[in-house]
């Protein structure tokens, strides 16, 4: 199985998507920081070598 991630194509960073409370808080912070950027939900395999994990 290939997990889904949310990636910012402008900044070359991504977050893992999950339904936990902490995951939702991280996604909200990610969306706030990358508002106006090209953000897309993709499979991890598509970006694994090109993007790095987002750290708030």
Protein backbone atom coordinates (compact mmCIF):
# COMPACT_ATOMS: atom_id res chain seq x y z
CA UNK A 1 0.00 0.00 0.00
CA UNK A 2 1.21 3.47 -0.86
CA UNK A 3 0.24 6.14 1.71
CA UNK A 4 -1.19 9.48 0.69
CA UNK A 5 0.63 12.68 1.52
CA UNK A 6 -0.11 16.36 1.02
CA UNK A 7 2.71 18.04 -0.89
CA UNK A 8 3.58 21.67 -1.54
CA UNK A 9 5.11 21.83 -5.01
CA UNK A 10 6.50 25.34 -4.43
CA UNK A 11 8.47 24.48 -1.27
CA UNK A 12 9.14 20.78 -2.02
CA UNK A 13 7.83 19.59 1.37
CA UNK A 14 5.09 17.15 2.38
CA UNK A 15 3.09 15.90 5.35
CA UNK A 16 1.65 12.46 5.97
CA UNK A 17 -2.13 12.41 6.03
CA UNK A 18 -3.82 10.68 8.95
CA UNK A 19 -7.05 11.09 10.89
CA UNK A 20 -5.50 11.59 14.34
CA UNK A 21 -5.94 14.84 16.26
CA UNK A 22 -2.22 15.60 15.98
CA UNK A 23 -2.34 14.88 12.24
CA UNK A 24 -5.25 17.25 11.77
CA UNK A 25 -3.44 20.01 13.69
CA UNK A 26 -0.33 19.50 11.56
CA UNK A 27 -2.38 19.58 8.37
CA UNK A 28 -4.05 22.84 9.45
CA UNK A 29 -0.63 24.41 10.16
CA UNK A 30 0.67 23.14 6.82
CA UNK A 31 -2.33 24.57 4.96
CA UNK A 32 -1.92 27.91 6.71
CA UNK A 33 1.80 28.15 5.92
CA UNK A 34 1.39 27.06 2.30
CA UNK A 35 -1.79 28.99 1.45
CA UNK A 36 -1.56 30.26 -2.11
CA UNK A 37 1.00 27.61 -3.08
CA UNK A 38 0.43 24.67 -5.39
CA UNK A 39 -0.63 21.99 -2.86
CA UNK A 40 -1.85 18.55 -3.88
CA UNK A 41 -2.63 15.16 -2.31
CA UNK A 42 -0.40 12.56 -3.98
CA UNK A 43 0.97 9.09 -3.34
CA UNK A 44 4.22 9.05 -1.38
CA UNK A 45 6.01 7.09 -4.13
CA UNK A 46 5.58 10.03 -6.51
CA UNK A 47 7.60 12.45 -4.35
CA UNK A 48 9.75 10.32 -2.02
CA UNK A 49 13.11 11.21 -3.57
CA UNK A 50 12.35 14.83 -4.43
CA UNK A 51 10.55 16.28 -1.38
CA UNK A 52 11.33 16.36 2.33
CA UNK A 53 9.11 16.00 5.37
CA UNK A 54 7.59 19.27 6.61
CA UNK A 55 8.57 20.30 10.15
CA UNK A 56 6.60 23.21 11.64
